[in-house]
Amino acid sequence: FDVKDGDPVTLDAGTVVLAAGGRCYAEAERRHELSTNHPNATGE
């Protein structure tokens, strides 16, 4: 992880759940359109 105002962090886990949402905010910016999405919806 990159950490805001801090050094990078590494975590280990037995299993991982990805629940980070979609990319519609970033896609709307690319298309010069409006979006309902939070600015964090960027799809990385």
PDB file of all heavy atoms in Angstrom:
ATOM      1  N   PHE A   1       0.828  -1.211   0.000  1.00  0.00           N
ATOM      2  CA  PHE A   1       0.000   0.000   0.000  1.00  0.00           C
ATOM      3  C   PHE A   1       0.857   1.253   0.000  1.00  0.00           C
ATOM      4  O   PHE A   1       1.897   1.312   0.670  1.00  0.00           O
ATOM      5  CB  PHE A   1      -0.885   0.052   1.257  1.00  0.00           C
ATOM      6  CG  PHE A   1      -1.817  -1.108   1.411  1.00  0.00           C
ATOM      7  CD1 PHE A   1      -1.410  -2.256   2.085  1.00  0.00           C
ATOM      8  CD2 PHE A   1      -3.104  -1.063   0.890  1.00  0.00           C
ATOM      9  CE1 PHE A   1      -2.269  -3.330   2.240  1.00  0.00           C
ATOM     10  CE2 PHE A   1      -3.967  -2.129   1.042  1.00  0.00           C
ATOM     11  CZ  PHE A   1      -3.558  -3.267   1.714  1.00  0.00           C
ATOM     12  N   ASP A   2       0.400   2.258  -0.744  1.00  0.00           N
ATOM     13  CA  ASP A   2       0.896   3.612  -0.556  1.00  0.00           C
ATOM     14  C   ASP A   2       0.040   4.247   0.523  1.00  0.00           C
ATOM     15  O   ASP A   2      -1.197   4.107   0.514  1.00  0.00           O
ATOM     16  CB  ASP A   2       0.777   4.415  -1.849  1.00  0.00           C
ATOM     17  CG  ASP A   2       1.933   4.145  -2.803  1.00  0.00           C
ATOM     18  OD1 ASP A   2       2.940   3.563  -2.360  1.00  0.00           O
ATOM     19  OD2 ASP A   2       1.805   4.493  -3.993  1.00  0.00           O
ATOM     20  N   VAL A   3       0.682   4.942   1.436  1.00  0.00           N
ATOM     21  CA  VAL A   3      -0.014   5.516   2.580  1.00  0.00           C
ATOM     22  C   VAL A   3       0.058   7.035   2.510  1.00  0.00           C
ATOM     23  O   VAL A   3       1.135   7.604   2.354  1.00  0.00           O
ATOM     24  CB  VAL A   3       0.595   5.026   3.910  1.00  0.00           C
ATOM     25  CG1 VAL A   3      -0.157   5.620   5.093  1.00  0.00           C
ATOM     26  CG2 VAL A   3       0.566   3.504   3.962  1.00  0.00           C
ATOM     27  N   LYS A   4      -1.087   7.663   2.614  1.00  0.00           N
ATOM     28  CA  LYS A   4      -1.129   9.122   2.602  1.00  0.00           C
ATOM     29  C   LYS A   4      -0.365   9.659   3.807  1.00  0.00           C
ATOM     30  O   LYS A   4      -0.602   9.254   4.943  1.00  0.00           O
ATOM     31  CB  LYS A   4      -2.587   9.597   2.644  1.00  0.00           C
ATOM     32  CG  LYS A   4      -2.744  11.100   2.564  1.00  0.00           C
ATOM     33  CD  LYS A   4      -4.223  11.489   2.596  1.00  0.00           C
ATOM     34  CE  LYS A   4      -4.390  13.000   2.513  1.00  0.00           C
ATOM     35  NZ  LYS A   4      -5.829  13.385   2.563  1.00  0.00           N
ATOM     36  N   ASP A   5       0.578  10.526   3.541  1.00  0.00           N
ATOM     37  CA  ASP A   5       1.380  11.155   4.600  1.00  0.00           C
ATOM     38  C   ASP A   5       2.141  10.130   5.433  1.00  0.00           C
ATOM     39  O   ASP A   5       2.313  10.286   6.650  1.00  0.00           O
ATOM     40  CB  ASP A   5       0.503  12.012   5.525  1.00  0.00           C
ATOM     41  CG  ASP A   5      -0.227  13.109   4.779  1.00  0.00           C
ATOM     42  OD1 ASP A   5       0.343  13.644   3.818  1.00  0.00           O
ATOM     43  OD2 ASP A   5      -1.381  13.410   5.152  1.00  0.00           O
ATOM     44  N   GLY A   6       2.601   9.036   4.789  1.00  0.00           N
ATOM     45  CA  GLY A   6       3.358   8.022   5.516  1.00  0.00           C
ATOM     46  C   GLY A   6       4.163   7.152   4.578  1.00  0.00           C
ATOM     47  O   GLY A   6       4.097   7.283   3.351  1.00  0.00           O
ATOM     48  N   ASP A   7       4.918   6.241   5.157  1.00  0.00           N
ATOM     49  CA  ASP A   7       5.723   5.317   4.368  1.00  0.00           C
ATOM     50  C   ASP A   7       4.860   4.171   3.851  1.00  0.00           C
ATOM     51  O   ASP A   7       3.831   3.844   4.453  1.00  0.00           O
ATOM     52  CB  ASP A   7       6.857   4.745   5.225  1.00  0.00           C
ATOM     53  CG  ASP A   7       7.844   5.819   5.681  1.00  0.00           C
ATOM     54  OD1 ASP A   7       8.057   6.778   4.901  1.00  0.00           O
ATOM     55  OD2 ASP A   7       8.376   5.692   6.797  1.00  0.00           O
ATOM     56  N   PRO A   8       5.262   3.545   2.747  1.00  0.00           N
ATOM     57  CA  PRO A   8       4.519   2.387   2.226  1.00  0.00           C
ATOM     58  C   PRO A   8       4.398   1.292   3.285  1.00  0.00           C
ATOM     59  O   PRO A   8       5.269   1.139   4.151  1.00  0.00           O
ATOM     60  CB  PRO A   8       5.359   1.936   1.033  1.00  0.00           C
ATOM     61  CG  PRO A   8       6.100   3.165   0.605  1.00  0.00           C
ATOM     62  CD  PRO A   8       6.394   3.908   1.877  1.00  0.00           C
ATOM     63  N   VAL A   9       3.313   0.522   3.202  1.00  0.00           N
ATOM     64  CA  VAL A   9       3.013  -0.536   4.176  1.00  0.00           C
ATOM     65  C   VAL A   9       2.765  -1.848   3.446  1.00  0.00           C
ATOM     66  O   VAL A   9       2.213  -1.856   2.346  1.00  0.00           O
ATOM     67  CB  VAL A   9       1.774  -0.150   5.014  1.00  0.00           C
ATOM     68  CG1 VAL A   9       1.237  -1.348   5.797  1.00  0.00           C
ATOM     69  CG2 VAL A   9       2.110   0.984   5.972  1.00  0.00           C
ATOM     70  N   THR A  10       3.163  -2.944   4.052  1.00  0.00           N
ATOM     71  CA  THR A  10       2.903  -4.276   3.513  1.00  0.00           C
ATOM     72  C   THR A  10       2.146  -5.086   4.557  1.00  0.00           C
ATOM     73  O   THR A  10       2.498  -5.070   5.742  1.00  0.00           O
ATOM     74  CB  THR A  10       4.216  -4.993   3.152  1.00  0.00           C
ATOM     75  OG1 THR A  10       4.914  -4.221   2.183  1.00  0.00           O
ATOM     76  CG2 THR A  10       3.937  -6.373   2.564  1.00  0.00           C
ATOM     77  N   LEU A  11       1.098  -5.777   4.119  1.00  0.00           N
ATOM     78  CA  LEU A  11       0.321  -6.644   5.007  1.00  0.00           C
ATOM     79  C   LEU A  11       0.227  -8.039   4.387  1.00  0.00           C
ATOM     80  O   LEU A  11       0.100  -8.165   3.167  1.00  0.00           O
ATOM     81  CB  LEU A  11      -1.101  -6.094   5.201  1.00  0.00           C
ATOM     82  CG  LEU A  11      -1.248  -4.706   5.832  1.00  0.00           C
ATOM     83  CD1 LEU A  11      -2.723  -4.298   5.837  1.00  0.00           C
ATOM     84  CD2 LEU A  11      -0.691  -4.684   7.245  1.00  0.00           C
ATOM     85  N   ASP A  12       0.266  -9.062   5.224  1.00  0.00           N
ATOM     86  CA  ASP A  12       0.071 -10.445   4.792  1.00  0.00           C
ATOM     87  C   ASP A  12      -1.286 -10.946   5.269  1.00  0.00           C
ATOM     88  O   ASP A  12      -1.770 -10.534   6.332  1.00  0.00           O
ATOM     89  CB  ASP A  12       1.156 -11.362   5.357  1.00  0.00           C
ATOM     90  CG  ASP A  12       2.487 -11.207   4.624  1.00  0.00           C
ATOM     91  OD1 ASP A  12       2.517 -10.471   3.609  1.00  0.00           O
ATOM     92  OD2 ASP A  12       3.482 -11.813   5.063  1.00  0.00           O
ATOM     93  N   ALA A  13      -1.895 -11.820   4.482  1.00  0.00           N
ATOM     94  CA  ALA A  13      -3.203 -12.369   4.860  1.00  0.00           C
ATOM     95  C   ALA A  13      -3.388 -13.749   4.255  1.00  0.00           C
ATOM     96  O   ALA A  13      -2.862 -14.055   3.176  1.00  0.00           O
ATOM     97  CB  ALA A  13      -4.320 -11.448   4.387  1.00  0.00           C
ATOM     98  N   GLY A  14      -4.156 -14.578   4.960  1.00  0.00           N
ATOM     99  CA  GLY A  14      -4.461 -15.909   4.442  1.00  0.00           C
ATOM    100  C   GLY A  14      -5.340 -15.851   3.216  1.00  0.00           C
ATOM    101  O   GLY A  14      -5.156 -16.605   2.250  1.00  0.00           O
ATOM    102  N   THR A  15      -6.319 -14.956   3.235  1.00  0.00           N
ATOM    103  CA  THR A  15      -7.208 -14.737   2.093  1.00  0.00           C
ATOM    104  C   THR A  15      -7.441 -13.242   1.934  1.00  0.00           C
ATOM    105  O   THR A  15      -7.279 -12.466   2.879  1.00  0.00           O
ATOM    106  CB  THR A  15      -8.567 -15.446   2.279  1.00  0.00           C
ATOM    107  OG1 THR A  15      -9.145 -15.024   3.529  1.00  0.00           O
ATOM    108  CG2 THR A  15      -8.426 -16.961   2.274  1.00  0.00           C
ATOM    109  N   VAL A  16      -7.860 -12.854   0.735  1.00  0.00           N
ATOM    110  CA  VAL A  16      -8.092 -11.438   0.442  1.00  0.00           C
ATOM    111  C   VAL A  16      -9.468 -11.284  -0.194  1.00  0.00           C
ATOM    112  O   VAL A  16      -9.860 -12.073  -1.058  1.00  0.00           O
ATOM    113  CB  VAL A  16      -7.017 -10.884  -0.511  1.00  0.00           C
ATOM    114  CG1 VAL A  16      -7.341  -9.442  -0.915  1.00  0.00           C
ATOM    115  CG2 VAL A  16      -5.632 -10.950   0.135  1.00  0.00           C
ATOM    116  N   VAL A  17     -10.199 -10.262   0.248  1.00  0.00           N
ATOM    117  CA  VAL A  17     -11.494  -9.913  -0.339  1.00  0.00           C
ATOM    118  C   VAL A  17     -11.365  -8.549  -1.015  1.00  0.00           C
ATOM    119  O   VAL A  17     -11.078  -7.556  -0.342  1.00  0.00           O
ATOM    120  CB  VAL A  17     -12.612  -9.866   0.720  1.00  0.00           C
ATOM    121  CG1 VAL A  17     -13.936  -9.479   0.063  1.00  0.00           C
ATOM    122  CG2 VAL A  17     -12.743 -11.198   1.441  1.00  0.00           C
ATOM    123  N   LEU A  18     -11.583  -8.521  -2.321  1.00  0.00           N
ATOM    124  CA  LEU A  18     -11.547  -7.260  -3.060  1.00  0.00           C
ATOM    125  C   LEU A  18     -12.954  -6.676  -3.113  1.00  0.00           C
ATOM    126  O   LEU A  18     -13.870  -7.302  -3.636  1.00  0.00           O
ATOM    127  CB  LEU A  18     -11.018  -7.486  -4.477  1.00  0.00           C
ATOM    128  CG  LEU A  18      -9.620  -8.102  -4.577  1.00  0.00           C
ATOM    129  CD1 LEU A  18      -9.220  -8.255  -6.039  1.00  0.00           C
ATOM    130  CD2 LEU A  18      -8.584  -7.259  -3.828  1.00  0.00           C
ATOM    131  N   ALA A  19     -13.108  -5.480  -2.576  1.00  0.00           N
ATOM    132  CA  ALA A  19     -14.421  -4.819  -2.524  1.00  0.00           C
ATOM    133  C   ALA A  19     -14.234  -3.328  -2.787  1.00  0.00           C
ATOM    134  O   ALA A  19     -14.836  -2.485  -2.128  1.00  0.00           O
ATOM    135  CB  ALA A  19     -15.074  -5.058  -1.165  1.00  0.00           C
ATOM    136  N   ALA A  20     -13.396  -3.034  -3.785  1.00  0.00           N
ATOM    137  CA  ALA A  20     -12.979  -1.654  -4.025  1.00  0.00           C
ATOM    138  C   ALA A  20     -13.822  -0.919  -5.051  1.00  0.00           C
ATOM    139  O   ALA A  20     -13.479   0.196  -5.448  1.00  0.00           O
ATOM    140  CB  ALA A  20     -11.509  -1.641  -4.459  1.00  0.00           C
ATOM    141  N   GLY A  21     -14.931  -1.502  -5.500  1.00  0.00           N
ATOM    142  CA  GLY A  21     -15.837  -0.798  -6.397  1.00  0.00           C
ATOM    143  C   GLY A  21     -15.371  -0.764  -7.835  1.00  0.00           C
ATOM    144  O   GLY A  21     -14.448  -1.481  -8.236  1.00  0.00           O
ATOM    145  N   GLY A  22     -16.040   0.075  -8.627  1.00  0.00           N
ATOM    146  CA  GLY A  22     -15.789   0.140 -10.062  1.00  0.00           C
ATOM    147  C   GLY A  22     -14.932   1.328 -10.464  1.00  0.00           C
ATOM    148  O   GLY A  22     -14.147   1.843  -9.664  1.00  0.00           O
ATOM    149  N   ARG A  23     -15.123   1.785 -11.711  1.00  0.00           N
ATOM    150  CA  ARG A  23     -14.238   2.807 -12.273  1.00  0.00           C
ATOM    151  C   ARG A  23     -14.990   3.969 -12.927  1.00  0.00           C
ATOM    152  O   ARG A  23     -14.424   4.714 -13.722  1.00  0.00           O
ATOM    153  CB  ARG A  23     -13.314   2.162 -13.307  1.00  0.00           C
ATOM    154  CG  ARG A  23     -14.013   1.724 -14.598  1.00  0.00           C
ATOM    155  CD  ARG A  23     -13.046   1.013 -15.538  1.00  0.00           C
ATOM    156  NE  ARG A  23     -13.533   0.893 -16.896  1.00  0.00           N
ATOM    157  CZ  ARG A  23     -14.381  -0.024 -17.337  1.00  0.00           C
ATOM    158  NH1 ARG A  23     -14.872  -0.930 -16.488  1.00  0.00           N
ATOM    159  NH2 ARG A  23     -14.739  -0.060 -18.592  1.00  0.00           N
ATOM    160  N   CYS A  24     -16.260   4.139 -12.619  1.00  0.00           N
ATOM    161  CA  CYS A  24     -17.067   5.089 -13.385  1.00  0.00           C
ATOM    162  C   CYS A  24     -16.678   6.549 -13.185  1.00  0.00           C
ATOM    163  O   CYS A  24     -16.898   7.369 -14.088  1.00  0.00           O
ATOM    164  CB  CYS A  24     -18.553   4.885 -13.096  1.00  0.00           C
ATOM    165  SG  CYS A  24     -19.241   3.481 -14.009  1.00  0.00           S
ATOM    166  N   TYR A  25     -16.105   6.910 -12.058  1.00  0.00           N
ATOM    167  CA  TYR A  25     -15.658   8.295 -11.900  1.00  0.00           C
ATOM    168  C   TYR A  25     -14.518   8.575 -12.873  1.00  0.00           C
ATOM    169  O   TYR A  25     -14.529   9.591 -13.585  1.00  0.00           O
ATOM    170  CB  TYR A  25     -15.211   8.573 -10.466  1.00  0.00           C
ATOM    171  CG  TYR A  25     -14.834  10.019 -10.240  1.00  0.00           C
ATOM    172  CD1 TYR A  25     -15.801  10.949  -9.898  1.00  0.00           C
ATOM    173  CD2 TYR A  25     -13.512  10.444 -10.386  1.00  0.00           C
ATOM    174  CE1 TYR A  25     -15.466  12.293  -9.708  1.00  0.00           C
ATOM    175  CE2 TYR A  25     -13.170  11.782 -10.208  1.00  0.00           C
ATOM    176  CZ  TYR A  25     -14.148  12.699  -9.874  1.00  0.00           C
ATOM    177  OH  TYR A  25     -13.819  14.021  -9.698  1.00  0.00           O
ATOM    178  N   ALA A  26     -13.546   7.660 -12.919  1.00  0.00           N
ATOM    179  CA  ALA A  26     -12.414   7.846 -13.826  1.00  0.00           C
ATOM    180  C   ALA A  26     -12.857   7.798 -15.278  1.00  0.00           C
ATOM    181  O   ALA A  26     -12.376   8.565 -16.113  1.00  0.00           O
ATOM    182  CB  ALA A  26     -11.349   6.782 -13.562  1.00  0.00           C
ATOM    183  N   GLU A  27     -13.787   6.895 -15.576  1.00  0.00           N
ATOM    184  CA  GLU A  27     -14.259   6.771 -16.955  1.00  0.00           C
ATOM    185  C   GLU A  27     -15.027   8.021 -17.380  1.00  0.00           C
ATOM    186  O   GLU A  27     -14.908   8.478 -18.528  1.00  0.00           O
ATOM    187  CB  GLU A  27     -15.155   5.537 -17.087  1.00  0.00           C
ATOM    188  CG  GLU A  27     -15.568   5.207 -18.504  1.00  0.00           C
ATOM    189  CD  GLU A  27     -14.417   4.791 -19.412  1.00  0.00           C
ATOM    190  OE1 GLU A  27     -13.375   4.338 -18.883  1.00  0.00           O
ATOM    191  OE2 GLU A  27     -14.557   4.935 -20.647  1.00  0.00           O
ATOM    192  N   ALA A  28     -15.815   8.589 -16.485  1.00  0.00           N
ATOM    193  CA  ALA A  28     -16.552   9.813 -16.806  1.00  0.00           C
ATOM    194  C   ALA A  28     -15.594  10.961 -17.086  1.00  0.00           C
ATOM    195  O   ALA A  28     -15.809  11.762 -18.010  1.00  0.00           O
ATOM    196  CB  ALA A  28     -17.497  10.174 -15.668  1.00  0.00           C
ATOM    197  N   GLU A  29     -14.526  11.056 -16.303  1.00  0.00           N
ATOM    198  CA  GLU A  29     -13.532  12.100 -16.561  1.00  0.00           C
ATOM    199  C   GLU A  29     -12.891  11.909 -17.927  1.00  0.00           C
ATOM    200  O   GLU A  29     -12.669  12.869 -18.668  1.00  0.00           O
ATOM    201  CB  GLU A  29     -12.464  12.091 -15.463  1.00  0.00           C
ATOM    202  CG  GLU A  29     -12.919  12.694 -14.148  1.00  0.00           C
ATOM    203  CD  GLU A  29     -11.741  13.189 -13.323  1.00  0.00           C
ATOM    204  OE1 GLU A  29     -10.699  12.492 -13.311  1.00  0.00           O
ATOM    205  OE2 GLU A  29     -11.855  14.255 -12.700  1.00  0.00           O
ATOM    206  N   ARG A  30     -12.593  10.655 -18.277  1.00  0.00           N
ATOM    207  CA  ARG A  30     -11.974  10.377 -19.571  1.00  0.00           C
ATOM    208  C   ARG A  30     -12.903  10.762 -20.714  1.00  0.00           C
ATOM    209  O   ARG A  30     -12.451  11.244 -21.754  1.00  0.00           O
ATOM    210  CB  ARG A  30     -11.615   8.890 -19.653  1.00  0.00           C
ATOM    211  CG  ARG A  30     -10.795   8.513 -20.879  1.00  0.00           C
ATOM    212  CD  ARG A  30     -10.538   7.019 -20.942  1.00  0.00           C
ATOM    213  NE  ARG A  30     -11.744   6.268 -21.279  1.00  0.00           N
ATOM    214  CZ  ARG A  30     -12.220   6.137 -22.522  1.00  0.00           C
ATOM    215  NH1 ARG A  30     -11.614   6.716 -23.538  1.00  0.00           N
ATOM    216  NH2 ARG A  30     -13.318   5.436 -22.745  1.00  0.00           N
ATOM    217  N   ARG A  31     -14.220  10.550 -20.507  1.00  0.00           N
ATOM    218  CA  ARG A  31     -15.206  10.847 -21.544  1.00  0.00           C
ATOM    219  C   ARG A  31     -15.700  12.293 -21.496  1.00  0.00           C
ATOM    220  O   ARG A  31     -16.517  12.702 -22.304  1.00  0.00           O
ATOM    221  CB  ARG A  31     -16.425   9.928 -21.393  1.00  0.00           C
ATOM    222  CG  ARG A  31     -16.140   8.443 -21.547  1.00  0.00           C
ATOM    223  CD  ARG A  31     -17.442   7.658 -21.439  1.00  0.00           C
ATOM    224  NE  ARG A  31     -17.220   6.212 -21.469  1.00  0.00           N
ATOM    225  CZ  ARG A  31     -18.206   5.315 -21.530  1.00  0.00           C
ATOM    226  NH1 ARG A  31     -19.475   5.715 -21.540  1.00  0.00           N
ATOM    227  NH2 ARG A  31     -17.935   4.020 -21.552  1.00  0.00           N
ATOM    228  N   HIS A  32     -15.252  13.054 -20.499  1.00  0.00           N
ATOM    229  CA  HIS A  32     -15.729  14.422 -20.283  1.00  0.00           C
ATOM    230  C   HIS A  32     -17.241  14.432 -20.036  1.00  0.00           C
ATOM    231  O   HIS A  32     -17.977  15.261 -20.570  1.00  0.00           O
ATOM    232  CB  HIS A  32     -15.375  15.326 -21.463  1.00  0.00           C
ATOM    233  CG  HIS A  32     -13.905  15.339 -21.789  1.00  0.00           C
ATOM    234  ND1 HIS A  32     -12.963  15.890 -20.949  1.00  0.00           N
ATOM    235  CD2 HIS A  32     -13.216  14.823 -22.844  1.00  0.00           C
ATOM    236  CE1 HIS A  32     -11.764  15.746 -21.477  1.00  0.00           C
ATOM    237  NE2 HIS A  32     -11.894  15.094 -22.615  1.00  0.00           N
ATOM    238  N   GLU A  33     -17.687  13.480 -19.206  1.00  0.00           N
ATOM    239  CA  GLU A  33     -19.096  13.368 -18.845  1.00  0.00           C
ATOM    240  C   GLU A  33     -19.257  13.529 -17.337  1.00  0.00           C
ATOM    241  O   GLU A  33     -18.270  13.572 -16.588  1.00  0.00           O
ATOM    242  CB  GLU A  33     -19.658  12.003 -19.281  1.00  0.00           C
ATOM    243  CG  GLU A  33     -19.674  11.795 -20.780  1.00  0.00           C
ATOM    244  CD  GLU A  33     -20.244  10.435 -21.170  1.00  0.00           C
ATOM    245  OE1 GLU A  33     -20.642   9.671 -20.265  1.00  0.00           O
ATOM    246  OE2 GLU A  33     -20.283  10.157 -22.363  1.00  0.00           O
ATOM    247  N   LEU A  34     -20.510  13.577 -16.901  1.00  0.00           N
ATOM    248  CA  LEU A  34     -20.809  13.619 -15.470  1.00  0.00           C
ATOM    249  C   LEU A  34     -20.948  12.204 -14.934  1.00  0.00           C
ATOM    250  O   LEU A  34     -21.278  11.272 -15.666  1.00  0.00           O
ATOM    251  CB  LEU A  34     -22.112  14.382 -15.224  1.00  0.00           C
ATOM    252  CG  LEU A  34     -22.125  15.860 -15.624  1.00  0.00           C
ATOM    253  CD1 LEU A  34     -23.538  16.424 -15.474  1.00  0.00           C
ATOM    254  CD2 LEU A  34     -21.145  16.668 -14.782  1.00  0.00           C
ATOM    255  N   SER A  35     -20.717  12.045 -13.648  1.00  0.00           N
ATOM    256  CA  SER A  35     -20.884  10.746 -12.990  1.00  0.00           C
ATOM    257  C   SER A  35     -21.473  10.947 -11.609  1.00  0.00           C
ATOM    258  O   SER A  35     -21.226  11.967 -10.952  1.00  0.00           O
ATOM    259  CB  SER A  35     -19.544  10.014 -12.877  1.00  0.00           C
ATOM    260  OG  SER A  35     -19.666   8.847 -12.083  1.00  0.00           O
ATOM    261  N   THR A  36     -22.230   9.951 -11.164  1.00  0.00           N
ATOM    262  CA  THR A  36     -22.760   9.960  -9.802  1.00  0.00           C
ATOM    263  C   THR A  36     -21.726   9.497  -8.790  1.00  0.00           C
ATOM    264  O   THR A  36     -21.954   9.587  -7.582  1.00  0.00           O
ATOM    265  CB  THR A  36     -23.966   9.000  -9.698  1.00  0.00           C
ATOM    266  OG1 THR A  36     -23.516   7.670  -9.987  1.00  0.00           O
ATOM    267  CG2 THR A  36     -25.068   9.393 -10.668  1.00  0.00           C
ATOM    268  N   ASN A  37     -20.590   8.985  -9.268  1.00  0.00           N
ATOM    269  CA  ASN A  37     -19.666   8.242  -8.408  1.00  0.00           C
ATOM    270  C   ASN A  37     -18.796   9.116  -7.516  1.00  0.00           C
ATOM    271  O   ASN A  37     -18.518  10.290  -7.821  1.00  0.00           O
ATOM    272  CB  ASN A  37     -18.746   7.370  -9.256  1.00  0.00           C
ATOM    273  CG  ASN A  37     -19.378   6.060  -9.678  1.00  0.00           C
ATOM    274  OD1 ASN A  37     -18.682   5.086  -9.938  1.00  0.00           O
ATOM    275  ND2 ASN A  37     -20.699   6.010  -9.770  1.00  0.00           N
ATOM    276  N   HIS A  38     -18.323   8.492  -6.444  1.00  0.00           N
ATOM    277  CA  HIS A  38     -17.331   9.109  -5.573  1.00  0.00           C
ATOM    278  C   HIS A  38     -15.997   9.167  -6.335  1.00  0.00           C
ATOM    279  O   HIS A  38     -15.689   8.271  -7.122  1.00  0.00           O
ATOM    280  CB  HIS A  38     -17.181   8.261  -4.301  1.00  0.00           C
ATOM    281  CG  HIS A  38     -16.373   8.920  -3.240  1.00  0.00           C
ATOM    282  ND1 HIS A  38     -14.988   8.939  -3.264  1.00  0.00           N
ATOM    283  CD2 HIS A  38     -16.737   9.613  -2.121  1.00  0.00           C
ATOM    284  CE1 HIS A  38     -14.547   9.593  -2.207  1.00  0.00           C
ATOM    285  NE2 HIS A  38     -15.578  10.007  -1.500  1.00  0.00           N
ATOM    286  N   PRO A  39     -15.187  10.199  -6.105  1.00  0.00           N
ATOM    287  CA  PRO A  39     -13.899  10.304  -6.807  1.00  0.00           C
ATOM    288  C   PRO A  39     -12.957   9.122  -6.604  1.00  0.00           C
ATOM    289  O   PRO A  39     -12.003   8.949  -7.370  1.00  0.00           O
ATOM    290  CB  PRO A  39     -13.294  11.596  -6.219  1.00  0.00           C
ATOM    291  CG  PRO A  39     -14.468  12.420  -5.829  1.00  0.00           C
ATOM    292  CD  PRO A  39     -15.488  11.430  -5.338  1.00  0.00           C
ATOM    293  N   ASN A  40     -13.207   8.289  -5.599  1.00  0.00           N
ATOM    294  CA  ASN A  40     -12.359   7.114  -5.388  1.00  0.00           C
ATOM    295  C   ASN A  40     -12.643   5.983  -6.374  1.00  0.00           C
ATOM    296  O   ASN A  40     -11.894   4.997  -6.416  1.00  0.00           O
ATOM    297  CB  ASN A  40     -12.544   6.570  -3.965  1.00  0.00           C
ATOM    298  CG  ASN A  40     -11.802   7.384  -2.921  1.00  0.00           C
ATOM    299  OD1 ASN A  40     -11.018   8.264  -3.254  1.00  0.00           O
ATOM    300  ND2 ASN A  40     -12.061   7.106  -1.654  1.00  0.00           N
ATOM    301  N   ALA A  41     -13.701   6.108  -7.174  1.00  0.00           N
ATOM    302  CA  ALA A  41     -14.083   5.013  -8.082  1.00  0.00           C
ATOM    303  C   ALA A  41     -13.254   5.084  -9.356  1.00  0.00           C
ATOM    304  O   ALA A  41     -13.698   5.574 -10.392  1.00  0.00           O
ATOM    305  CB  ALA A  41     -15.574   5.085  -8.402  1.00  0.00           C
ATOM    306  N   THR A  42     -12.040   4.562  -9.269  1.00  0.00           N
ATOM    307  CA  THR A  42     -11.091   4.700 -10.374  1.00  0.00           C
ATOM    308  C   THR A  42     -10.590   3.374 -10.933  1.00  0.00           C
ATOM    309  O   THR A  42      -9.869   3.361 -11.925  1.00  0.00           O
ATOM    310  CB  THR A  42      -9.897   5.561  -9.935  1.00  0.00           C
ATOM    311  OG1 THR A  42      -9.410   5.091  -8.671  1.00  0.00           O
ATOM    312  CG2 THR A  42     -10.320   7.014  -9.775  1.00  0.00           C
ATOM    313  N   GLY A  43     -10.921   2.244 -10.318  1.00  0.00           N
ATOM    314  CA  GLY A  43     -10.730   0.939 -10.939  1.00  0.00           C
ATOM    315  C   GLY A  43      -9.359   0.309 -10.885  1.00  0.00           C
ATOM    316  O   GLY A  43      -9.147  -0.749 -11.487  1.00  0.00           O
ATOM    317  N   GLU A  44      -8.417   0.875 -10.147  1.00  0.00           N
ATOM    318  CA  GLU A  44      -7.065   0.302 -10.179  1.00  0.00           C
ATOM    319  C   GLU A  44      -6.978  -1.072  -9.520  1.00  0.00           C
ATOM    320  O   GLU A  44      -6.128  -1.892  -9.885  1.00  0.00           O
ATOM    321  CB  GLU A  44      -6.046   1.252  -9.538  1.00  0.00           C
ATOM    322  CG  GLU A  44      -6.257   1.559  -8.073  1.00  0.00           C
ATOM    323  CD  GLU A  44      -7.214   2.713  -7.835  1.00  0.00           C
ATOM    324  OE1 GLU A  44      -7.839   3.195  -8.797  1.00  0.00           O
ATOM    325  OE2 GLU A  44      -7.348   3.132  -6.672  1.00  0.00           O
TER     326      GLU A  44
END
